[in-house]
């Protein structure tokens, strides 16, 4: 249906689905534009260094600051926080696809921290 006819649950489900499959390497989040498209040339690309032994890199989230378009709000993310964000988007998307209740989705839980993950 039209966006104005969607329930809050349907909007949340759509949000998680959209960002779970967002093409972070080629696009940026630009809230002022409200449309999907290529990354603005004026936005500095956020490259994250992996913390997995041999140094490799990955394009992190690129989020244009609506008040300062040349500032990337995603630049503060570390390898660990980037992994956690992607993991949480995937978890929420999966739960919402199964019509899980909002209380289950928002129930407190704790993922492995970087210290536990490095021991496995």
Foldseek 3Di string as FASTA:
>chain_A
DDPVPDDPLVVVLVVLVCVLPPPQVFWAAEVVVVDTDGHDPLADWAWEWDPDPPTDIDTAHFYADNVHRSYGPRNPDYNQNRVVVSVLSVVLNVCSVVVHDPCVNPPDDDDDDPVRVVVD
